[in-house]
Amino acid sequence: MARYWLHCQHLYVNGQKMSKSKGNMYYIDTLLEQGYEIQEIRFFLIYCHYRQKLNYSDENMRSVVEKLRKFRGIVRAIGKKIVQRTNPDTRVAQSLKQGFEEKMDNDLNVRVAFNELHELVSSFNLTRLGISEAAGIIHALREIDGVLKIIF
């Protein structure tokens, strides 16, 4: 079922521990009804380090989801640069994967790994980005998304 098991802190809602008795339970169905995608909910849950308390609030959820949506928009724009099947630029792909792996190897720090990935991907000049570079970026992001399951 799983290679690793990590027990994280309890989930908090607006600063209070989530519990049925307090009536502050949030269910996935409720968040889906509010318009969030399952990948966005997953991102919210993994974006906080597993050793820290995760505090759900509408503001925190919107902020994290907006970060992911902006990132995915950049990824879509890069993907549109690939007009034909081409060999990906392996230098670009390797650089992205290496940076991501280094951050994840540091106690599964998803927040730092994602933020660095976001910064790197955002730094590419889309007007000057070549087809093979774009293909390399998308190739690397697909491999990275094999871990995160939030990008594509």
N, C-alpha and C. Protein backbone atom coordinates (compact mmCIF):
# COMPACT_ATOMS: atom_id res chain seq x y z
N MET A 1 0.82 -1.18 0.00
CA MET A 1 0.00 0.00 0.00
C MET A 1 0.87 1.26 0.00
N ALA A 2 1.86 1.32 0.87
CA ALA A 2 2.71 2.51 0.94
C ALA A 2 4.13 2.09 1.31
N ARG A 3 5.09 2.79 0.75
CA ARG A 3 6.48 2.50 1.09
C ARG A 3 6.87 3.13 2.42
N TYR A 4 6.29 4.29 2.72
CA TYR A 4 6.65 5.03 3.93
C TYR A 4 5.38 5.46 4.64
N TRP A 5 5.46 5.51 5.94
CA TRP A 5 4.34 5.98 6.74
C TRP A 5 4.86 7.10 7.62
N LEU A 6 4.25 8.25 7.51
CA LEU A 6 4.61 9.40 8.33
C LEU A 6 3.38 9.81 9.12
N HIS A 7 3.54 9.95 10.40
CA HIS A 7 2.43 10.43 11.20
C HIS A 7 2.61 11.92 11.40
N CYS A 8 1.66 12.67 10.93
CA CYS A 8 1.78 14.13 11.02
C CYS A 8 0.98 14.64 12.22
N GLN A 9 1.09 15.93 12.44
CA GLN A 9 0.34 16.59 13.50
C GLN A 9 -1.15 16.54 13.19
N HIS A 10 -1.96 16.86 14.17
CA HIS A 10 -3.40 16.93 13.95
C HIS A 10 -3.74 18.12 13.07
N LEU A 11 -4.85 18.03 12.39
CA LEU A 11 -5.32 19.12 11.55
C LEU A 11 -6.07 20.12 12.42
N TYR A 12 -5.80 21.38 12.20
CA TYR A 12 -6.47 22.45 12.94
C TYR A 12 -7.33 23.24 11.97
N VAL A 13 -8.40 23.78 12.49
CA VAL A 13 -9.30 24.64 11.72
C VAL A 13 -9.40 25.96 12.45
N ASN A 14 -8.95 27.01 11.79
CA ASN A 14 -8.96 28.34 12.38
C ASN A 14 -8.34 28.34 13.78
N GLY A 15 -7.24 27.61 13.94
CA GLY A 15 -6.49 27.61 15.19
C GLY A 15 -6.96 26.61 16.23
N GLN A 16 -8.05 25.87 15.97
CA GLN A 16 -8.55 24.88 16.92
C GLN A 16 -8.45 23.49 16.33
N LYS A 17 -8.13 22.52 17.17
CA LYS A 17 -8.02 21.14 16.70
C LYS A 17 -9.35 20.70 16.08
N MET A 18 -9.26 20.10 14.90
CA MET A 18 -10.48 19.65 14.22
C MET A 18 -11.06 18.46 14.98
N SER A 19 -12.35 18.54 15.25
CA SER A 19 -13.02 17.42 15.92
C SER A 19 -14.52 17.50 15.68
N LYS A 20 -15.16 16.34 15.74
CA LYS A 20 -16.61 16.29 15.58
C LYS A 20 -17.30 17.04 16.70
N SER A 21 -16.77 16.90 17.91
CA SER A 21 -17.42 17.53 19.06
C SER A 21 -17.41 19.05 18.96
N LYS A 22 -16.40 19.61 18.31
CA LYS A 22 -16.34 21.07 18.14
C LYS A 22 -17.14 21.51 16.92
N GLY A 23 -17.52 20.56 16.09
CA GLY A 23 -18.31 20.90 14.91
C GLY A 23 -17.53 21.62 13.83
N ASN A 24 -16.22 21.44 13.84
CA ASN A 24 -15.40 22.13 12.85
C ASN A 24 -14.76 21.15 11.88
N MET A 25 -15.50 20.13 11.49
CA MET A 25 -15.01 19.12 10.56
C MET A 25 -15.13 19.62 9.12
N TYR A 26 -14.12 19.34 8.34
CA TYR A 26 -14.15 19.62 6.91
C TYR A 26 -13.94 18.30 6.18
N TYR A 27 -14.76 18.06 5.19
CA TYR A 27 -14.66 16.84 4.40
C TYR A 27 -14.25 17.19 2.98
N ILE A 28 -13.62 16.24 2.32
CA ILE A 28 -13.18 16.44 0.94
C ILE A 28 -14.36 16.85 0.06
N ASP A 29 -15.51 16.20 0.25
CA ASP A 29 -16.69 16.53 -0.55
C ASP A 29 -17.06 18.00 -0.44
N THR A 30 -16.95 18.54 0.77
CA THR A 30 -17.28 19.95 0.99
C THR A 30 -16.33 20.86 0.20
N LEU A 31 -15.04 20.53 0.24
CA LEU A 31 -14.06 21.33 -0.48
C LEU A 31 -14.25 21.21 -1.99
N LEU A 32 -14.60 20.02 -2.46
CA LEU A 32 -14.89 19.85 -3.89
C LEU A 32 -16.10 20.68 -4.30
N GLU A 33 -17.12 20.72 -3.46
CA GLU A 33 -18.31 21.53 -3.73
C GLU A 33 -17.98 23.01 -3.76
N GLN A 34 -16.97 23.41 -3.02
CA GLN A 34 -16.55 24.81 -3.01
C GLN A 34 -15.71 25.17 -4.24
N GLY A 35 -15.46 24.18 -5.10
CA GLY A 35 -14.77 24.46 -6.35
C GLY A 35 -13.30 24.08 -6.39
N TYR A 36 -12.80 23.46 -5.34
CA TYR A 36 -11.41 23.04 -5.34
C TYR A 36 -11.29 21.69 -6.05
N GLU A 37 -10.19 21.51 -6.75
CA GLU A 37 -9.89 20.23 -7.40
C GLU A 37 -9.18 19.34 -6.39
N ILE A 38 -9.25 18.04 -6.63
CA ILE A 38 -8.64 17.08 -5.71
C ILE A 38 -7.13 17.31 -5.60
N GLN A 39 -6.47 17.70 -6.72
CA GLN A 39 -5.03 17.98 -6.68
C GLN A 39 -4.74 19.21 -5.83
N GLU A 40 -5.63 20.17 -5.82
CA GLU A 40 -5.44 21.38 -5.01
C GLU A 40 -5.58 21.05 -3.52
N ILE A 41 -6.51 20.18 -3.19
CA ILE A 41 -6.68 19.76 -1.79
C ILE A 41 -5.44 18.99 -1.35
N ARG A 42 -4.99 18.10 -2.21
CA ARG A 42 -3.78 17.34 -1.91
C ARG A 42 -2.60 18.29 -1.68
N PHE A 43 -2.46 19.28 -2.55
CA PHE A 43 -1.36 20.23 -2.42
C PHE A 43 -1.44 20.97 -1.09
N PHE A 44 -2.64 21.39 -0.70
CA PHE A 44 -2.78 22.08 0.59
C PHE A 44 -2.29 21.18 1.73
N LEU A 45 -2.63 19.90 1.66
CA LEU A 45 -2.27 18.98 2.73
C LEU A 45 -0.77 18.66 2.77
N ILE A 46 -0.11 18.61 1.62
CA ILE A 46 1.32 18.27 1.61
C ILE A 46 2.22 19.50 1.64
N TYR A 47 1.67 20.68 1.42
CA TYR A 47 2.48 21.89 1.37
C TYR A 47 3.03 22.25 2.75
N CYS A 48 2.32 21.88 3.77
CA CYS A 48 2.79 22.11 5.14
C CYS A 48 3.70 20.94 5.52
N HIS A 49 4.80 21.21 6.15
CA HIS A 49 5.72 20.15 6.56
C HIS A 49 5.01 19.21 7.54
N TYR A 50 5.27 17.93 7.39
CA TYR A 50 4.55 16.94 8.19
C TYR A 50 4.82 17.05 9.69
N ARG A 51 5.86 17.73 10.08
CA ARG A 51 6.15 17.90 11.51
C ARG A 51 5.48 19.14 12.10
N GLN A 52 4.82 19.91 11.28
CA GLN A 52 4.17 21.14 11.74
C GLN A 52 2.65 20.96 11.79
N LYS A 53 2.01 21.77 12.59
CA LYS A 53 0.56 21.75 12.65
C LYS A 53 0.02 22.38 11.37
N LEU A 54 -0.96 21.73 10.79
CA LEU A 54 -1.61 22.24 9.59
C LEU A 54 -2.90 22.92 10.01
N ASN A 55 -2.97 24.22 9.76
CA ASN A 55 -4.14 25.00 10.15
C ASN A 55 -4.96 25.34 8.92
N TYR A 56 -6.14 24.73 8.82
CA TYR A 56 -7.03 25.04 7.71
C TYR A 56 -7.81 26.31 8.05
N SER A 57 -7.83 27.21 7.10
CA SER A 57 -8.74 28.35 7.12
C SER A 57 -9.04 28.64 5.65
N ASP A 58 -10.14 29.29 5.41
CA ASP A 58 -10.47 29.61 4.02
C ASP A 58 -9.35 30.43 3.38
N GLU A 59 -8.79 31.35 4.15
CA GLU A 59 -7.71 32.20 3.64
C GLU A 59 -6.45 31.38 3.32
N ASN A 60 -6.07 30.47 4.23
CA ASN A 60 -4.89 29.62 4.00
C ASN A 60 -5.10 28.74 2.77
N MET A 61 -6.29 28.17 2.65
CA MET A 61 -6.59 27.29 1.52
C MET A 61 -6.51 28.08 0.22
N ARG A 62 -7.15 29.24 0.16
CA ARG A 62 -7.13 30.06 -1.06
C ARG A 62 -5.71 30.45 -1.43
N SER A 63 -4.91 30.81 -0.46
CA SER A 63 -3.54 31.25 -0.72
C SER A 63 -2.70 30.12 -1.32
N VAL A 64 -2.77 28.95 -0.75
CA VAL A 64 -1.98 27.81 -1.24
C VAL A 64 -2.48 27.39 -2.62
N VAL A 65 -3.80 27.34 -2.79
CA VAL A 65 -4.37 26.93 -4.08
C VAL A 65 -4.02 27.94 -5.17
N GLU A 66 -4.02 29.22 -4.85
CA GLU A 66 -3.66 30.24 -5.83
C GLU A 66 -2.21 30.07 -6.29
N LYS A 67 -1.33 29.72 -5.36
CA LYS A 67 0.07 29.47 -5.70
C LYS A 67 0.16 28.32 -6.70
N LEU A 68 -0.57 27.25 -6.45
CA LEU A 68 -0.56 26.10 -7.36
C LEU A 68 -1.16 26.47 -8.71
N ARG A 69 -2.24 27.20 -8.71
CA ARG A 69 -2.89 27.58 -9.97
C ARG A 69 -1.98 28.45 -10.83
N LYS A 70 -1.27 29.37 -10.21
CA LYS A 70 -0.32 30.20 -10.96
C LYS A 70 0.78 29.33 -11.57
N PHE A 71 1.28 28.41 -10.77
CA PHE A 71 2.34 27.51 -11.25
C PHE A 71 1.84 26.69 -12.43
N ARG A 72 0.66 26.12 -12.29
CA ARG A 72 0.10 25.30 -13.37
C ARG A 72 -0.14 26.13 -14.63
N GLY A 73 -0.47 27.40 -14.47
CA GLY A 73 -0.64 28.29 -15.62
C GLY A 73 0.67 28.48 -16.37
N ILE A 74 1.74 28.64 -15.63
CA ILE A 74 3.06 28.77 -16.25
C ILE A 74 3.43 27.48 -16.97
N VAL A 75 3.14 26.36 -16.34
CA VAL A 75 3.45 25.06 -16.94
C VAL A 75 2.66 24.88 -18.24
N ARG A 76 1.39 25.27 -18.25
CA ARG A 76 0.59 25.18 -19.48
C ARG A 76 1.18 26.05 -20.58
N ALA A 77 1.63 27.25 -20.22
CA ALA A 77 2.23 28.16 -21.20
C ALA A 77 3.51 27.55 -21.78
N ILE A 78 4.30 26.92 -20.93
CA ILE A 78 5.52 26.25 -21.42
C ILE A 78 5.14 25.10 -22.32
N GLY A 79 4.14 24.34 -21.95
CA GLY A 79 3.69 23.21 -22.75
C GLY A 79 3.22 23.61 -24.14
N LYS A 80 2.66 24.81 -24.26
CA LYS A 80 2.19 25.30 -25.56
C LYS A 80 3.35 25.61 -26.51
N LYS A 81 4.55 25.76 -25.96
CA LYS A 81 5.72 26.02 -26.80
C LYS A 81 6.13 24.78 -27.59
N ILE A 82 5.69 23.62 -27.13
CA ILE A 82 6.06 22.37 -27.78
C ILE A 82 5.04 22.12 -28.89
N VAL A 83 5.43 22.42 -30.11
CA VAL A 83 4.51 22.29 -31.24
C VAL A 83 4.67 20.96 -31.97
N GLN A 84 5.72 20.27 -31.69
CA GLN A 84 5.95 18.99 -32.34
C GLN A 84 6.73 18.10 -31.39
N ARG A 85 6.77 16.85 -31.72
CA ARG A 85 7.54 15.93 -30.89
C ARG A 85 9.02 16.24 -31.08
N THR A 86 9.70 16.50 -29.99
CA THR A 86 11.11 16.86 -30.08
C THR A 86 11.88 16.24 -28.92
N ASN A 87 13.17 16.15 -29.07
CA ASN A 87 14.01 15.65 -27.99
C ASN A 87 14.14 16.72 -26.91
N PRO A 88 13.85 16.36 -25.67
CA PRO A 88 13.95 17.35 -24.61
C PRO A 88 15.39 17.71 -24.28
N ASP A 89 15.61 18.94 -23.89
CA ASP A 89 16.92 19.41 -23.45
C ASP A 89 17.17 18.79 -22.08
N THR A 90 18.07 17.84 -22.01
CA THR A 90 18.29 17.10 -20.77
C THR A 90 18.98 17.94 -19.70
N ARG A 91 19.71 18.97 -20.10
CA ARG A 91 20.37 19.83 -19.10
C ARG A 91 19.34 20.54 -18.25
N VAL A 92 18.33 21.09 -18.90
CA VAL A 92 17.27 21.80 -18.18
C VAL A 92 16.51 20.83 -17.28
N ALA A 93 16.15 19.68 -17.85
CA ALA A 93 15.40 18.68 -17.09
C ALA A 93 16.19 18.22 -15.87
N GLN A 94 17.47 17.93 -16.06
CA GLN A 94 18.30 17.45 -14.96
C GLN A 94 18.43 18.49 -13.87
N SER A 95 18.57 19.74 -14.24
CA SER A 95 18.69 20.82 -13.27
C SER A 95 17.44 20.92 -12.40
N LEU A 96 16.27 20.86 -13.03
CA LEU A 96 15.02 20.93 -12.28
C LEU A 96 14.87 19.74 -11.34
N LYS A 97 15.12 18.56 -11.85
CA LYS A 97 14.96 17.35 -11.03
C LYS A 97 15.95 17.32 -9.87
N GLN A 98 17.18 17.72 -10.14
CA GLN A 98 18.21 17.70 -9.10
C GLN A 98 17.85 18.66 -7.96
N GLY A 99 17.43 19.86 -8.30
CA GLY A 99 17.05 20.82 -7.26
C GLY A 99 15.87 20.33 -6.44
N PHE A 100 14.89 19.74 -7.11
CA PHE A 100 13.72 19.22 -6.42
C PHE A 100 14.11 18.07 -5.48
N GLU A 101 14.91 17.15 -5.98
CA GLU A 101 15.32 15.99 -5.17
C GLU A 101 16.13 16.41 -3.95
N GLU A 102 17.00 17.38 -4.11
CA GLU A 102 17.80 17.86 -2.97
C GLU A 102 16.91 18.39 -1.86
N LYS A 103 15.91 19.16 -2.23
CA LYS A 103 15.00 19.74 -1.22
C LYS A 103 14.12 18.66 -0.58
N MET A 104 13.66 17.71 -1.39
CA MET A 104 12.82 16.64 -0.85
C MET A 104 13.63 15.71 0.05
N ASP A 105 14.91 15.52 -0.28
CA ASP A 105 15.77 14.68 0.54
C ASP A 105 16.04 15.31 1.91
N ASN A 106 15.74 16.57 2.06
CA ASN A 106 15.91 17.26 3.33
C ASN A 106 14.62 17.13 4.14
N ASP A 107 14.34 15.96 4.65
CA ASP A 107 13.20 15.69 5.52
C ASP A 107 11.86 15.96 4.84
N LEU A 108 11.77 15.59 3.56
CA LEU A 108 10.53 15.74 2.79
C LEU A 108 9.96 17.16 2.87
N ASN A 109 10.80 18.12 2.61
CA ASN A 109 10.37 19.51 2.72
C ASN A 109 9.68 19.94 1.41
N VAL A 110 8.42 19.57 1.28
CA VAL A 110 7.65 19.83 0.07
C VAL A 110 7.55 21.33 -0.20
N ARG A 111 7.30 22.10 0.85
CA ARG A 111 7.14 23.55 0.68
C ARG A 111 8.38 24.17 0.03
N VAL A 112 9.54 23.88 0.56
CA VAL A 112 10.78 24.44 0.03
C VAL A 112 11.05 23.91 -1.37
N ALA A 113 10.83 22.61 -1.57
CA ALA A 113 11.05 22.01 -2.89
C ALA A 113 10.13 22.63 -3.93
N PHE A 114 8.85 22.77 -3.60
CA PHE A 114 7.90 23.34 -4.55
C PHE A 114 8.21 24.81 -4.80
N ASN A 115 8.49 25.56 -3.75
CA ASN A 115 8.77 26.99 -3.91
C ASN A 115 9.98 27.22 -4.81
N GLU A 116 11.01 26.41 -4.64
CA GLU A 116 12.19 26.56 -5.50
C GLU A 116 11.85 26.18 -6.95
N LEU A 117 11.08 25.12 -7.10
CA LEU A 117 10.65 24.70 -8.43
C LEU A 117 9.83 25.80 -9.09
N HIS A 118 8.92 26.38 -8.33
CA HIS A 118 8.08 27.48 -8.83
C HIS A 118 8.94 28.65 -9.27
N GLU A 119 9.92 28.98 -8.44
CA GLU A 119 10.81 30.11 -8.76
C GLU A 119 11.61 29.85 -10.03
N LEU A 120 12.15 28.65 -10.16
CA LEU A 120 12.93 28.30 -11.35
C LEU A 120 12.07 28.33 -12.61
N VAL A 121 10.91 27.71 -12.55
CA VAL A 121 10.04 27.64 -13.72
C VAL A 121 9.54 29.03 -14.09
N SER A 122 9.27 29.85 -13.09
CA SER A 122 8.80 31.22 -13.35
C SER A 122 9.89 32.10 -13.96
N SER A 123 11.14 31.72 -13.75
CA SER A 123 12.24 32.56 -14.23
C SER A 123 12.51 32.39 -15.72
N PHE A 124 11.96 31.35 -16.35
CA PHE A 124 12.18 31.15 -17.77
C PHE A 124 11.47 32.22 -18.59
N ASN A 125 12.17 32.76 -19.56
CA ASN A 125 11.59 33.75 -20.46
C ASN A 125 10.84 33.00 -21.56
N LEU A 126 9.52 33.04 -21.49
CA LEU A 126 8.71 32.25 -22.42
C LEU A 126 8.90 32.65 -23.88
N THR A 127 9.20 33.91 -24.12
CA THR A 127 9.38 34.34 -25.51
C THR A 127 10.69 33.81 -26.10
N ARG A 128 11.68 33.57 -25.25
CA ARG A 128 12.98 33.07 -25.72
C ARG A 128 13.17 31.57 -25.52
N LEU A 129 12.22 30.95 -24.89
CA LEU A 129 12.33 29.53 -24.58
C LEU A 129 12.21 28.69 -25.85
N GLY A 130 13.21 27.87 -26.10
CA GLY A 130 13.22 27.02 -27.28
C GLY A 130 12.34 25.78 -27.09
N ILE A 131 12.04 25.13 -28.19
CA ILE A 131 11.17 23.95 -28.15
C ILE A 131 11.80 22.84 -27.33
N SER A 132 13.09 22.58 -27.52
CA SER A 132 13.74 21.49 -26.77
C SER A 132 13.86 21.82 -25.28
N GLU A 133 14.07 23.10 -24.97
CA GLU A 133 14.09 23.50 -23.56
C GLU A 133 12.72 23.31 -22.93
N ALA A 134 11.69 23.75 -23.63
CA ALA A 134 10.32 23.58 -23.13
C ALA A 134 10.01 22.10 -22.94
N ALA A 135 10.42 21.28 -23.89
CA ALA A 135 10.19 19.84 -23.79
C ALA A 135 10.94 19.26 -22.59
N GLY A 136 12.14 19.75 -22.34
CA GLY A 136 12.91 19.31 -21.18
C GLY A 136 12.25 19.67 -19.87
N ILE A 137 11.72 20.88 -19.80
CA ILE A 137 11.03 21.33 -18.59
C ILE A 137 9.80 20.47 -18.34
N ILE A 138 8.98 20.29 -19.37
CA ILE A 138 7.77 19.49 -19.22
C ILE A 138 8.11 18.05 -18.86
N HIS A 139 9.14 17.50 -19.49
CA HIS A 139 9.57 16.13 -19.17
C HIS A 139 9.96 16.02 -17.69
N ALA A 140 10.75 16.97 -17.21
CA ALA A 140 11.17 16.95 -15.81
C ALA A 140 9.99 17.12 -14.87
N LEU A 141 9.08 18.02 -15.22
CA LEU A 141 7.91 18.25 -14.36
C LEU A 141 7.00 17.03 -14.31
N ARG A 142 6.91 16.29 -15.40
CA ARG A 142 6.11 15.05 -15.38
C ARG A 142 6.74 14.03 -14.43
N GLU A 143 8.05 13.94 -14.43
CA GLU A 143 8.73 13.02 -13.50
C GLU A 143 8.54 13.48 -12.06
N ILE A 144 8.69 14.77 -11.82
CA ILE A 144 8.49 15.33 -10.48
C ILE A 144 7.05 15.10 -10.03
N ASP A 145 6.13 15.25 -10.96
CA ASP A 145 4.72 15.06 -10.62
C ASP A 145 4.40 13.60 -10.30
N GLY A 146 5.28 12.69 -10.66
CA GLY A 146 5.12 11.31 -10.22
C GLY A 146 5.18 11.20 -8.71
N VAL A 147 5.83 12.17 -8.06
CA VAL A 147 5.91 12.23 -6.61
C VAL A 147 4.76 13.06 -6.05
N LEU A 148 4.56 14.25 -6.58
CA LEU A 148 3.59 15.19 -6.01
C LEU A 148 2.14 14.90 -6.41
N LYS A 149 1.92 14.53 -7.66
CA LYS A 149 0.57 14.28 -8.20
C LYS A 149 -0.33 15.52 -8.10
N ILE A 150 0.23 16.67 -8.48
CA ILE A 150 -0.55 17.92 -8.38
C ILE A 150 -0.41 18.81 -9.61
N ILE A 151 0.56 18.55 -10.48
CA ILE A 151 0.85 19.48 -11.56
C ILE A 151 0.00 19.24 -12.78
N PHE A 152 -0.10 18.01 -13.23
CA PHE A 152 -0.81 17.71 -14.48
C PHE A 152 -2.15 17.04 -14.21
